[in-house]
Amino acid sequence: MSDRSLRGMRLGAQSMETESGVEPAPRQRVEYRCEDGEQVFVTFSSEAEIPPVWVSKTGKEALLVDGERPDTSNEKAVRTHWDMLLERRSLPELEQILDDRLTILRERRGERRSA
């Protein structure tokens, strides 16, 4: 009975299992390189999809060694408020609206001065 006693063990802190006979999952080590020549090594599962770009610990963008440069031409251009406005109105229409609003504003200011 005394040989099975767990006296003196920290039960929650240590595992009684051994790692003998346990094989880790297959992995692959992938190399990325920054423009300044910094090398970045990342370990992935052998089944993982490897990203073409990785951000290094220093915050620099690193490209996959022997990989293709990612195609960024598909990215949509950012639409500004002005672009969206031009989709709805033409320049002559916008000039007419501006003139109308300026006339209303000037009339209001003129009325306040005389009152």
PDB file of N, CA and C in Angstrom:
ATOM      1  N   MET A   1       0.812  -1.185   0.000  1.00  0.00           N
ATOM      2  CA  MET A   1       0.000   0.000   0.000  1.00  0.00           C
ATOM      3  C   MET A   1       0.862   1.258   0.000  1.00  0.00           C
ATOM      4  N   SER A   2       1.989   1.213   0.667  1.00  0.00           N
ATOM      5  CA  SER A   2       2.830   2.392   0.756  1.00  0.00           C
ATOM      6  C   SER A   2       3.489   2.715  -0.579  1.00  0.00           C
ATOM      7  N   ASP A   3       3.668   1.737  -1.462  1.00  0.00           N
ATOM      8  CA  ASP A   3       4.288   2.014  -2.757  1.00  0.00           C
ATOM      9  C   ASP A   3       3.339   2.768  -3.692  1.00  0.00           C
ATOM     10  N   ARG A   4       2.041   2.751  -3.415  1.00  0.00           N
ATOM     11  CA  ARG A   4       1.089   3.486  -4.252  1.00  0.00           C
ATOM     12  C   ARG A   4       0.747   4.853  -3.672  1.00  0.00           C
ATOM     13  N   SER A   5       1.316   5.192  -2.607  1.00  0.00           N
ATOM     14  CA  SER A   5       1.016   6.453  -1.946  1.00  0.00           C
ATOM     15  C   SER A   5       1.563   7.617  -2.767  1.00  0.00           C
ATOM     16  N   LEU A   6       0.799   8.685  -2.829  1.00  0.00           N
ATOM     17  CA  LEU A   6       1.219   9.868  -3.569  1.00  0.00           C
ATOM     18  C   LEU A   6       1.665  10.975  -2.623  1.00  0.00           C
ATOM     19  N   ARG A   7       2.042  10.561  -1.417  1.00  0.00           N
ATOM     20  CA  ARG A   7       2.461  11.544  -0.434  1.00  0.00           C
ATOM     21  C   ARG A   7       3.684  12.318  -0.944  1.00  0.00           C
ATOM     22  N   GLY A   8       3.640  13.630  -0.776  1.00  0.00           N
ATOM     23  CA  GLY A   8       4.758  14.463  -1.181  1.00  0.00           C
ATOM     24  C   GLY A   8       4.689  14.930  -2.629  1.00  0.00           C
ATOM     25  N   MET A   9       3.682  14.522  -3.402  1.00  0.00           N
ATOM     26  CA  MET A   9       3.554  14.948  -4.805  1.00  0.00           C
ATOM     27  C   MET A   9       2.652  16.177  -4.890  1.00  0.00           C
ATOM     28  N   ARG A  10       2.932  17.028  -5.811  1.00  0.00           N
ATOM     29  CA  ARG A  10       2.031  18.138  -6.125  1.00  0.00           C
ATOM     30  C   ARG A  10       1.146  17.653  -7.254  1.00  0.00           C
ATOM     31  N   LEU A  11      -0.021  17.213  -6.941  1.00  0.00           N
ATOM     32  CA  LEU A  11      -0.862  16.535  -7.922  1.00  0.00           C
ATOM     33  C   LEU A  11      -1.241  17.412  -9.106  1.00  0.00           C
ATOM     34  N   GLY A  12      -1.547  18.673  -8.869  1.00  0.00           N
ATOM     35  CA  GLY A  12      -1.996  19.524  -9.966  1.00  0.00           C
ATOM     36  C   GLY A  12      -0.868  20.039 -10.829  1.00  0.00           C
ATOM     37  N   ALA A  13       0.343  20.030 -10.346  1.00  0.00           N
ATOM     38  CA  ALA A  13       1.446  20.668 -11.052  1.00  0.00           C
ATOM     39  C   ALA A  13       2.233  19.725 -11.949  1.00  0.00           C
ATOM     40  N   GLN A  14       2.247  18.437 -11.631  1.00  0.00           N
ATOM     41  CA  GLN A  14       3.070  17.519 -12.402  1.00  0.00           C
ATOM     42  C   GLN A  14       2.233  16.381 -12.966  1.00  0.00           C
ATOM     43  N   SER A  15       2.560  15.977 -14.161  1.00  0.00           N
ATOM     44  CA  SER A  15       1.867  14.863 -14.780  1.00  0.00           C
ATOM     45  C   SER A  15       2.673  13.595 -14.566  1.00  0.00           C
ATOM     46  N   MET A  16       1.952  12.530 -14.369  1.00  0.00           N
ATOM     47  CA  MET A  16       2.628  11.248 -14.178  1.00  0.00           C
ATOM     48  C   MET A  16       2.837  10.516 -15.510  1.00  0.00           C
ATOM     49  N   GLU A  17       2.370  11.104 -16.595  1.00  0.00           N
ATOM     50  CA  GLU A  17       2.520  10.469 -17.896  1.00  0.00           C
ATOM     51  C   GLU A  17       3.918  10.704 -18.430  1.00  0.00           C
ATOM     52  N   THR A  18       4.430   9.753 -19.156  1.00  0.00           N
ATOM     53  CA  THR A  18       5.728   9.905 -19.799  1.00  0.00           C
ATOM     54  C   THR A  18       5.509  10.151 -21.285  1.00  0.00           C
ATOM     55  N   GLU A  19       6.507  10.699 -21.922  1.00  0.00           N
ATOM     56  CA  GLU A  19       6.410  10.982 -23.346  1.00  0.00           C
ATOM     57  C   GLU A  19       7.003   9.865 -24.193  1.00  0.00           C
ATOM     58  N   SER A  20       7.334   8.767 -23.595  1.00  0.00           N
ATOM     59  CA  SER A  20       7.906   7.669 -24.362  1.00  0.00           C
ATOM     60  C   SER A  20       6.824   7.060 -25.251  1.00  0.00           C
ATOM     61  N   GLY A  21       7.138   6.861 -26.490  1.00  0.00           N
ATOM     62  CA  GLY A  21       6.211   6.279 -27.452  1.00  0.00           C
ATOM     63  C   GLY A  21       5.251   7.282 -28.073  1.00  0.00           C
ATOM     64  N   VAL A  22       5.381   8.548 -27.722  1.00  0.00           N
ATOM     65  CA  VAL A  22       4.503   9.579 -28.277  1.00  0.00           C
ATOM     66  C   VAL A  22       5.239  10.275 -29.410  1.00  0.00           C
ATOM     67  N   GLU A  23       4.619  10.314 -30.580  1.00  0.00           N
ATOM     68  CA  GLU A  23       5.224  11.000 -31.724  1.00  0.00           C
ATOM     69  C   GLU A  23       4.543  12.342 -31.933  1.00  0.00           C
ATOM     70  N   PRO A  24       5.306  13.414 -32.061  1.00  0.00           N
ATOM     71  CA  PRO A  24       4.679  14.710 -32.332  1.00  0.00           C
ATOM     72  C   PRO A  24       4.107  14.734 -33.754  1.00  0.00           C
ATOM     73  N   ALA A  25       3.183  15.625 -33.971  1.00  0.00           N
ATOM     74  CA  ALA A  25       2.585  15.767 -35.300  1.00  0.00           C
ATOM     75  C   ALA A  25       3.662  16.193 -36.295  1.00  0.00           C
ATOM     76  N   PRO A  26       3.548  15.764 -37.555  1.00  0.00           N
ATOM     77  CA  PRO A  26       4.546  16.158 -38.559  1.00  0.00           C
ATOM     78  C   PRO A  26       4.540  17.667 -38.776  1.00  0.00           C
ATOM     79  N   ARG A  27       5.729  18.225 -38.841  1.00  0.00           N
ATOM     80  CA  ARG A  27       5.884  19.668 -38.984  1.00  0.00           C
ATOM     81  C   ARG A  27       6.862  20.001 -40.096  1.00  0.00           C
ATOM     82  N   GLN A  28       6.797  21.258 -40.509  1.00  0.00           N
ATOM     83  CA  GLN A  28       7.768  21.752 -41.493  1.00  0.00           C
ATOM     84  C   GLN A  28       8.231  23.135 -41.059  1.00  0.00           C
ATOM     85  N   ARG A  29       9.493  23.411 -41.291  1.00  0.00           N
ATOM     86  CA  ARG A  29      10.073  24.709 -40.946  1.00  0.00           C
ATOM     87  C   ARG A  29      10.178  25.524 -42.225  1.00  0.00           C
ATOM     88  N   VAL A  30       9.590  26.718 -42.195  1.00  0.00           N
ATOM     89  CA  VAL A  30       9.518  27.558 -43.389  1.00  0.00           C
ATOM     90  C   VAL A  30      10.345  28.818 -43.155  1.00  0.00           C
ATOM     91  N   GLU A  31      11.058  29.223 -44.203  1.00  0.00           N
ATOM     92  CA  GLU A  31      11.910  30.408 -44.093  1.00  0.00           C
ATOM     93  C   GLU A  31      11.283  31.577 -44.842  1.00  0.00           C
ATOM     94  N   TYR A  32      11.277  32.717 -44.171  1.00  0.00           N
ATOM     95  CA  TYR A  32      10.852  33.987 -44.764  1.00  0.00           C
ATOM     96  C   TYR A  32      12.031  34.941 -44.689  1.00  0.00           C
ATOM     97  N   ARG A  33      12.049  35.924 -45.591  1.00  0.00           N
ATOM     98  CA  ARG A  33      13.132  36.892 -45.591  1.00  0.00           C
ATOM     99  C   ARG A  33      12.587  38.300 -45.827  1.00  0.00           C
ATOM    100  N   CYS A  34      13.049  39.244 -44.986  1.00  0.00           N
ATOM    101  CA  CYS A  34      12.667  40.656 -45.128  1.00  0.00           C
ATOM    102  C   CYS A  34      13.498  41.298 -46.231  1.00  0.00           C
ATOM    103  N   GLU A  35      13.103  42.498 -46.627  1.00  0.00           N
ATOM    104  CA  GLU A  35      13.846  43.200 -47.683  1.00  0.00           C
ATOM    105  C   GLU A  35      15.265  43.537 -47.249  1.00  0.00           C
ATOM    106  N   ASP A  36      15.462  43.759 -45.933  1.00  0.00           N
ATOM    107  CA  ASP A  36      16.803  44.094 -45.455  1.00  0.00           C
ATOM    108  C   ASP A  36      17.665  42.860 -45.194  1.00  0.00           C
ATOM    109  N   GLY A  37      17.147  41.661 -45.514  1.00  0.00           N
ATOM    110  CA  GLY A  37      17.912  40.431 -45.382  1.00  0.00           C
ATOM    111  C   GLY A  37      17.653  39.664 -44.097  1.00  0.00           C
ATOM    112  N   GLU A  38      16.833  40.195 -43.200  1.00  0.00           N
ATOM    113  CA  GLU A  38      16.526  39.485 -41.951  1.00  0.00           C
ATOM    114  C   GLU A  38      15.793  38.184 -42.263  1.00  0.00           C
ATOM    115  N   GLN A  39      16.260  37.091 -41.661  1.00  0.00           N
ATOM    116  CA  GLN A  39      15.641  35.781 -41.866  1.00  0.00           C
ATOM    117  C   GLN A  39      14.662  35.504 -40.738  1.00  0.00           C
ATOM    118  N   VAL A  40      13.506  34.952 -41.101  1.00  0.00           N
ATOM    119  CA  VAL A  40      12.483  34.590 -40.128  1.00  0.00           C
ATOM    120  C   VAL A  40      12.123  33.134 -40.384  1.00  0.00           C
ATOM    121  N   PHE A  41      12.205  32.306 -39.355  1.00  0.00           N
ATOM    122  CA  PHE A  41      11.858  30.893 -39.473  1.00  0.00           C
ATOM    123  C   PHE A  41      10.586  30.638 -38.674  1.00  0.00           C
ATOM    124  N   VAL A  42       9.612  29.989 -39.307  1.00  0.00           N
ATOM    125  CA  VAL A  42       8.338  29.685 -38.667  1.00  0.00           C
ATOM    126  C   VAL A  42       8.056  28.197 -38.861  1.00  0.00           C
ATOM    127  N   THR A  43       7.548  27.546 -37.812  1.00  0.00           N
ATOM    128  CA  THR A  43       7.215  26.126 -37.882  1.00  0.00           C
ATOM    129  C   THR A  43       5.714  25.980 -38.053  1.00  0.00           C
ATOM    130  N   PHE A  44       5.313  25.232 -39.063  1.00  0.00           N
ATOM    131  CA  PHE A  44       3.915  24.977 -39.367  1.00  0.00           C
ATOM    132  C   PHE A  44       3.660  23.479 -39.363  1.00  0.00           C
ATOM    133  N   SER A  45       2.408  23.115 -39.253  1.00  0.00           N
ATOM    134  CA  SER A  45       2.012  21.728 -39.442  1.00  0.00           C
ATOM    135  C   SER A  45       2.280  21.372 -40.891  1.00  0.00           C
ATOM    136  N   SER A  46       2.557  20.111 -41.157  1.00  0.00           N
ATOM    137  CA  SER A  46       2.823  19.710 -42.541  1.00  0.00           C
ATOM    138  C   SER A  46       1.570  19.832 -43.402  1.00  0.00           C
ATOM    139  N   GLU A  47       0.387  19.884 -42.764  1.00  0.00           N
ATOM    140  CA  GLU A  47      -0.863  20.008 -43.514  1.00  0.00           C
ATOM    141  C   GLU A  47      -1.317  21.455 -43.670  1.00  0.00           C
ATOM    142  N   ALA A  48      -0.626  22.391 -43.022  1.00  0.00           N
ATOM    143  CA  ALA A  48      -1.057  23.791 -43.024  1.00  0.00           C
ATOM    144  C   ALA A  48      -0.802  24.458 -44.366  1.00  0.00           C
ATOM    145  N   GLU A  49      -1.651  25.434 -44.694  1.00  0.00           N
ATOM    146  CA  GLU A  49      -1.441  26.252 -45.887  1.00  0.00           C
ATOM    147  C   GLU A  49      -0.449  27.348 -45.512  1.00  0.00           C
ATOM    148  N   ILE A  50       0.632  27.448 -46.248  1.00  0.00           N
ATOM    149  CA  ILE A  50       1.710  28.374 -45.925  1.00  0.00           C
ATOM    150  C   ILE A  50       1.388  29.759 -46.497  1.00  0.00           C
ATOM    151  N   PRO A  51       1.321  30.803 -45.653  1.00  0.00           N
ATOM    152  CA  PRO A  51       1.046  32.146 -46.164  1.00  0.00           C
ATOM    153  C   PRO A  51       2.263  32.711 -46.902  1.00  0.00           C
ATOM    154  N   PRO A  52       2.041  33.480 -47.965  1.00  0.00           N
ATOM    155  CA  PRO A  52       3.174  34.021 -48.728  1.00  0.00           C
ATOM    156  C   PRO A  52       3.906  35.146 -48.011  1.00  0.00           C
ATOM    157  N   VAL A  53       3.250  35.774 -47.026  1.00  0.00           N
ATOM    158  CA  VAL A  53       3.852  36.892 -46.296  1.00  0.00           C
ATOM    159  C   VAL A  53       3.708  36.626 -44.806  1.00  0.00           C
ATOM    160  N   TRP A  54       4.754  36.986 -44.046  1.00  0.00           N
ATOM    161  CA  TRP A  54       4.720  36.824 -42.599  1.00  0.00           C
ATOM    162  C   TRP A  54       5.287  38.093 -41.983  1.00  0.00           C
ATOM    163  N   VAL A  55       4.707  38.555 -40.887  1.00  0.00           N
ATOM    164  CA  VAL A  55       5.226  39.735 -40.204  1.00  0.00           C
ATOM    165  C   VAL A  55       6.194  39.257 -39.129  1.00  0.00           C
ATOM    166  N   SER A  56       7.423  39.777 -39.189  1.00  0.00           N
ATOM    167  CA  SER A  56       8.450  39.345 -38.240  1.00  0.00           C
ATOM    168  C   SER A  56       8.198  39.960 -36.868  1.00  0.00           C
ATOM    169  N   LYS A  57       8.966  39.526 -35.874  1.00  0.00           N
ATOM    170  CA  LYS A  57       8.824  40.061 -34.518  1.00  0.00           C
ATOM    171  C   LYS A  57       9.174  41.538 -34.460  1.00  0.00           C
ATOM    172  N   THR A  58       9.974  42.009 -35.403  1.00  0.00           N
ATOM    173  CA  THR A  58      10.344  43.424 -35.442  1.00  0.00           C
ATOM    174  C   THR A  58       9.305  44.266 -36.168  1.00  0.00           C
ATOM    175  N   GLY A  59       8.258  43.614 -36.701  1.00  0.00           N
ATOM    176  CA  GLY A  59       7.184  44.344 -37.368  1.00  0.00           C
ATOM    177  C   GLY A  59       7.375  44.515 -38.860  1.00  0.00           C
ATOM    178  N   LYS A  60       8.447  43.944 -39.404  1.00  0.00           N
ATOM    179  CA  LYS A  60       8.698  44.059 -40.846  1.00  0.00           C
ATOM    180  C   LYS A  60       7.998  42.936 -41.598  1.00  0.00           C
ATOM    181  N   GLU A  61       7.646  43.224 -42.836  1.00  0.00           N
ATOM    182  CA  GLU A  61       6.990  42.219 -43.679  1.00  0.00           C
ATOM    183  C   GLU A  61       8.048  41.342 -44.338  1.00  0.00           C
ATOM    184  N   ALA A  62       7.900  40.036 -44.157  1.00  0.00           N
ATOM    185  CA  ALA A  62       8.863  39.083 -44.723  1.00  0.00           C
ATOM    186  C   ALA A  62       8.156  38.231 -45.769  1.00  0.00           C
ATOM    187  N   LEU A  63       8.856  37.987 -46.883  1.00  0.00           N
ATOM    188  CA  LEU A  63       8.303  37.175 -47.971  1.00  0.00           C
ATOM    189  C   LEU A  63       8.846  35.761 -47.904  1.00  0.00           C
ATOM    190  N   LEU A  64       8.028  34.824 -48.324  1.00  0.00           N
ATOM    191  CA  LEU A  64       8.401  33.417 -48.346  1.00  0.00           C
ATOM    192  C   LEU A  64       9.579  33.210 -49.295  1.00  0.00           C
ATOM    193  N   VAL A  65      10.618  32.518 -48.800  1.00  0.00           N
ATOM    194  CA  VAL A  65      11.777  32.227 -49.639  1.00  0.00           C
ATOM    195  C   VAL A  65      11.349  31.191 -50.673  1.00  0.00           C
ATOM    196  N   ASP A  66      11.731  31.381 -51.914  1.00  0.00           N
ATOM    197  CA  ASP A  66      11.376  30.518 -53.047  1.00  0.00           C
ATOM    198  C   ASP A  66       9.860  30.486 -53.287  1.00  0.00           C
ATOM    199  N   GLY A  67       9.179  31.490 -52.826  1.00  0.00           N
ATOM    200  CA  GLY A  67       7.731  31.580 -53.046  1.00  0.00           C
ATOM    201  C   GLY A  67       7.425  32.719 -53.994  1.00  0.00           C
ATOM    202  N   GLU A  68       6.190  32.760 -54.445  1.00  0.00           N
ATOM    203  CA  GLU A  68       5.775  33.822 -55.355  1.00  0.00           C
ATOM    204  C   GLU A  68       5.349  35.039 -54.550  1.00  0.00           C
ATOM    205  N   ARG A  69       5.635  36.206 -55.107  1.00  0.00           N
ATOM    206  CA  ARG A  69       5.212  37.447 -54.466  1.00  0.00           C
ATOM    207  C   ARG A  69       3.691  37.532 -54.564  1.00  0.00           C
ATOM    208  N   PRO A  70       3.002  37.863 -53.477  1.00  0.00           N
ATOM    209  CA  PRO A  70       1.537  37.904 -53.522  1.00  0.00           C
ATOM    210  C   PRO A  70       1.032  38.988 -54.470  1.00  0.00           C
ATOM    211  N   ASP A  71      -0.052  38.661 -55.164  1.00  0.00           N
ATOM    212  CA  ASP A  71      -0.639  39.590 -56.128  1.00  0.00           C
ATOM    213  C   ASP A  71      -1.582  40.528 -55.388  1.00  0.00           C
ATOM    214  N   THR A  72      -1.230  41.805 -55.333  1.00  0.00           N
ATOM    215  CA  THR A  72      -2.055  42.787 -54.629  1.00  0.00           C
ATOM    216  C   THR A  72      -2.881  43.632 -55.590  1.00  0.00           C
ATOM    217  N   SER A  73      -2.874  43.279 -56.868  1.00  0.00           N
ATOM    218  CA  SER A  73      -3.608  44.091 -57.846  1.00  0.00           C
ATOM    219  C   SER A  73      -5.113  43.897 -57.728  1.00  0.00           C
ATOM    220  N   ASN A  74      -5.586  42.820 -57.094  1.00  0.00           N
ATOM    221  CA  ASN A  74      -7.017  42.577 -56.945  1.00  0.00           C
ATOM    222  C   ASN A  74      -7.658  43.438 -55.866  1.00  0.00           C
ATOM    223  N   GLU A  75      -6.853  44.069 -55.042  1.00  0.00           N
ATOM    224  CA  GLU A  75      -7.391  44.845 -53.949  1.00  0.00           C
ATOM    225  C   GLU A  75      -8.173  46.038 -54.477  1.00  0.00           C
ATOM    226  N   LYS A  76      -9.316  46.277 -53.865  1.00  0.00           N
ATOM    227  CA  LYS A  76     -10.151  47.403 -54.259  1.00  0.00           C
ATOM    228  C   LYS A  76      -9.518  48.698 -53.790  1.00  0.00           C
ATOM    229  N   ALA A  77      -9.609  49.711 -54.628  1.00  0.00           N
ATOM    230  CA  ALA A  77      -9.137  51.025 -54.221  1.00  0.00           C
ATOM    231  C   ALA A  77     -10.105  51.597 -53.197  1.00  0.00           C
ATOM    232  N   VAL A  78      -9.579  52.345 -52.271  1.00  0.00           N
ATOM    233  CA  VAL A  78     -10.413  52.933 -51.229  1.00  0.00           C
ATOM    234  C   VAL A  78     -11.259  54.034 -51.839  1.00  0.00           C
ATOM    235  N   ARG A  79     -12.564  53.939 -51.592  1.00  0.00           N
ATOM    236  CA  ARG A  79     -13.478  54.957 -52.107  1.00  0.00           C
ATOM    237  C   ARG A  79     -13.633  56.052 -51.071  1.00  0.00           C
ATOM    238  N   THR A  80     -13.407  57.282 -51.491  1.00  0.00           N
ATOM    239  CA  THR A  80     -13.570  58.415 -50.586  1.00  0.00           C
ATOM    240  C   THR A  80     -14.996  58.939 -50.673  1.00  0.00           C
ATOM    241  N   HIS A  81     -15.332  59.864 -49.787  1.00  0.00           N
ATOM    242  CA  HIS A  81     -16.660  60.480 -49.826  1.00  0.00           C
ATOM    243  C   HIS A  81     -16.875  61.200 -51.163  1.00  0.00           C
ATOM    244  N   TRP A  82     -15.813  61.836 -51.647  1.00  0.00           N
ATOM    245  CA  TRP A  82     -15.911  62.562 -52.915  1.00  0.00           C
ATOM    246  C   TRP A  82     -16.214  61.601 -54.071  1.00  0.00           C
ATOM    247  N   ASP A  83     -15.571  60.444 -54.081  1.00  0.00           N
ATOM    248  CA  ASP A  83     -15.831  59.444 -55.122  1.00  0.00           C
ATOM    249  C   ASP A  83     -17.284  58.986 -55.104  1.00  0.00           C
ATOM    250  N   MET A  84     -17.795  58.734 -53.892  1.00  0.00           N
ATOM    251  CA  MET A  84     -19.190  58.288 -53.787  1.00  0.00           C
ATOM    252  C   MET A  84     -20.160  59.390 -54.197  1.00  0.00           C
ATOM    253  N   LEU A  85     -19.817  60.644 -53.897  1.00  0.00           N
ATOM    254  CA  LEU A  85     -20.665  61.765 -54.298  1.00  0.00           C
ATOM    255  C   LEU A  85     -20.688  61.911 -55.818  1.00  0.00           C
ATOM    256  N   LEU A  86     -19.542  61.730 -56.442  1.00  0.00           N
ATOM    257  CA  LEU A  86     -19.475  61.840 -57.907  1.00  0.00           C
ATOM    258  C   LEU A  86     -20.216  60.708 -58.607  1.00  0.00           C
ATOM    259  N   GLU A  87     -20.459  59.597 -57.896  1.00  0.00           N
ATOM    260  CA  GLU A  87     -21.264  58.520 -58.478  1.00  0.00           C
ATOM    261  C   GLU A  87     -22.739  58.920 -58.556  1.00  0.00           C
ATOM    262  N   ARG A  88     -23.167  59.828 -57.659  1.00  0.00           N
ATOM    263  CA  ARG A  88     -24.572  60.222 -57.605  1.00  0.00           C
ATOM    264  C   ARG A  88     -24.862  61.529 -58.328  1.00  0.00           C
ATOM    265  N   ARG A  89     -23.892  62.428 -58.374  1.00  0.00           N
ATOM    266  CA  ARG A  89     -24.109  63.762 -58.955  1.00  0.00           C
ATOM    267  C   ARG A  89     -23.002  64.102 -59.941  1.00  0.00           C
ATOM    268  N   SER A  90     -23.353  64.953 -60.922  1.00  0.00           N
ATOM    269  CA  SER A  90     -22.328  65.444 -61.856  1.00  0.00           C
ATOM    270  C   SER A  90     -21.755  66.746 -61.301  1.00  0.00           C
ATOM    271  N   LEU A  91     -20.619  67.181 -61.850  1.00  0.00           N
ATOM    272  CA  LEU A  91     -20.002  68.418 -61.382  1.00  0.00           C
ATOM    273  C   LEU A  91     -20.917  69.637 -61.570  1.00  0.00           C
ATOM    274  N   PRO A  92     -21.604  69.783 -62.727  1.00  0.00           N
ATOM    275  CA  PRO A  92     -22.517  70.936 -62.855  1.00  0.00           C
ATOM    276  C   PRO A  92     -23.646  70.921 -61.808  1.00  0.00           C
ATOM    277  N   GLU A  93     -24.158  69.731 -61.493  1.00  0.00           N
ATOM    278  CA  GLU A  93     -25.187  69.633 -60.458  1.00  0.00           C
ATOM    279  C   GLU A  93     -24.635  70.067 -59.101  1.00  0.00           C
ATOM    280  N   LEU A  94     -23.422  69.637 -58.788  1.00  0.00           N
ATOM    281  CA  LEU A  94     -22.812  70.004 -57.514  1.00  0.00           C
ATOM    282  C   LEU A  94     -22.559  71.504 -57.430  1.00  0.00           C
ATOM    283  N   GLU A  95     -22.144  72.111 -58.542  1.00  0.00           N
ATOM    284  CA  GLU A  95     -21.933  73.563 -58.551  1.00  0.00           C
ATOM    285  C   GLU A  95     -23.243  74.310 -58.343  1.00  0.00           C
ATOM    286  N   GLN A  96     -24.328  73.824 -58.947  1.00  0.00           N
ATOM    287  CA  GLN A  96     -25.637  74.457 -58.783  1.00  0.00           C
ATOM    288  C   GLN A  96     -26.113  74.343 -57.328  1.00  0.00           C
ATOM    289  N   ILE A  97     -25.941  73.182 -56.719  1.00  0.00           N
ATOM    290  CA  ILE A  97     -26.329  72.987 -55.314  1.00  0.00           C
ATOM    291  C   ILE A  97     -25.513  73.907 -54.405  1.00  0.00           C
ATOM    292  N   LEU A  98     -24.219  74.026 -54.667  1.00  0.00           N
ATOM    293  CA  LEU A  98     -23.375  74.912 -53.879  1.00  0.00           C
ATOM    294  C   LEU A  98     -23.840  76.358 -54.001  1.00  0.00           C
ATOM    295  N   ASP A  99     -24.114  76.806 -55.227  1.00  0.00           N
ATOM    296  CA  ASP A  99     -24.590  78.181 -55.427  1.00  0.00           C
ATOM    297  C   ASP A  99     -25.908  78.419 -54.685  1.00  0.00           C
ATOM    298  N   ASP A 100     -26.836  77.458 -54.750  1.00  0.00           N
ATOM    299  CA  ASP A 100     -28.121  77.598 -54.051  1.00  0.00           C
ATOM    300  C   ASP A 100     -27.921  77.707 -52.542  1.00  0.00           C
ATOM    301  N   ARG A 101     -27.085  76.857 -51.985  1.00  0.00           N
ATOM    302  CA  ARG A 101     -26.858  76.871 -50.538  1.00  0.00           C
ATOM    303  C   ARG A 101     -26.147  78.147 -50.095  1.00  0.00           C
ATOM    304  N   LEU A 102     -25.199  78.638 -50.914  1.00  0.00           N
ATOM    305  CA  LEU A 102     -24.519  79.889 -50.575  1.00  0.00           C
ATOM    306  C   LEU A 102     -25.487  81.067 -50.615  1.00  0.00           C
ATOM    307  N   THR A 103     -26.416  81.068 -51.572  1.00  0.00           N
ATOM    308  CA  THR A 103     -27.416  82.134 -51.664  1.00  0.00           C
ATOM    309  C   THR A 103     -28.298  82.133 -50.418  1.00  0.00           C
ATOM    310  N   ILE A 104     -28.753  80.953 -49.996  1.00  0.00           N
ATOM    311  CA  ILE A 104     -29.585  80.849 -48.795  1.00  0.00           C
ATOM    312  C   ILE A 104     -28.816  81.327 -47.572  1.00  0.00           C
ATOM    313  N   LEU A 105     -27.553  80.945 -47.446  1.00  0.00           N
ATOM    314  CA  LEU A 105     -26.724  81.353 -46.315  1.00  0.00           C
ATOM    315  C   LEU A 105     -26.517  82.862 -46.304  1.00  0.00           C
ATOM    316  N   ARG A 106     -26.250  83.466 -47.452  1.00  0.00           N
ATOM    317  CA  ARG A 106     -26.036  84.928 -47.530  1.00  0.00           C
ATOM    318  C   ARG A 106     -27.315  85.691 -47.201  1.00  0.00           C
ATOM    319  N   GLU A 107     -28.451  85.144 -47.636  1.00  0.00           N
ATOM    320  CA  GLU A 107     -29.721  85.797 -47.314  1.00  0.00           C
ATOM    321  C   GLU A 107     -29.967  85.772 -45.803  1.00  0.00           C
ATOM    322  N   ARG A 108     -29.701  84.651 -45.169  1.00  0.00           N
ATOM    323  CA  ARG A 108     -29.870  84.542 -43.714  1.00  0.00           C
ATOM    324  C   ARG A 108     -28.971  85.520 -42.975  1.00  0.00           C
ATOM    325  N   ARG A 109     -27.740  85.618 -43.394  1.00  0.00           N
ATOM    326  CA  ARG A 109     -26.803  86.558 -42.750  1.00  0.00           C
ATOM    327  C   ARG A 109     -27.239  87.989 -42.946  1.00  0.00           C
ATOM    328  N   GLY A 110     -27.727  88.280 -44.126  1.00  0.00           N
ATOM    329  CA  GLY A 110     -28.204  89.643 -44.413  1.00  0.00           C
ATOM    330  C   GLY A 110     -29.420  89.971 -43.551  1.00  0.00           C
ATOM    331  N   GLU A 111     -30.324  89.035 -43.336  1.00  0.00           N
ATOM    332  CA  GLU A 111     -31.520  89.264 -42.517  1.00  0.00           C
ATOM    333  C   GLU A 111     -31.136  89.492 -41.059  1.00  0.00           C
ATOM    334  N   ARG A 112     -30.139  88.817 -40.566  1.00  0.00           N
ATOM    335  CA  ARG A 112     -29.732  88.950 -39.172  1.00  0.00           C
ATOM    336  C   ARG A 112     -29.095  90.317 -38.923  1.00  0.00           C
ATOM    337  N   ARG A 113     -28.345  90.839 -39.888  1.00  0.00           N
ATOM    338  CA  ARG A 113     -27.693  92.140 -39.720  1.00  0.00           C
ATOM    339  C   ARG A 113     -28.722  93.266 -39.663  1.00  0.00           C
ATOM    340  N   SER A 114     -29.738  93.181 -40.506  1.00  0.00           N
ATOM    341  CA  SER A 114     -30.721  94.259 -40.548  1.00  0.00           C
ATOM    342  C   SER A 114     -31.689  94.218 -39.377  1.00  0.00           C
ATOM    343  N   ALA A 115     -31.835  93.103 -38.731  1.00  0.00           N
ATOM    344  CA  ALA A 115     -32.813  92.989 -37.644  1.00  0.00           C
ATOM    345  C   ALA A 115     -32.320  93.560 -36.338  1.00  0.00           C
TER     346      ALA A 115
END
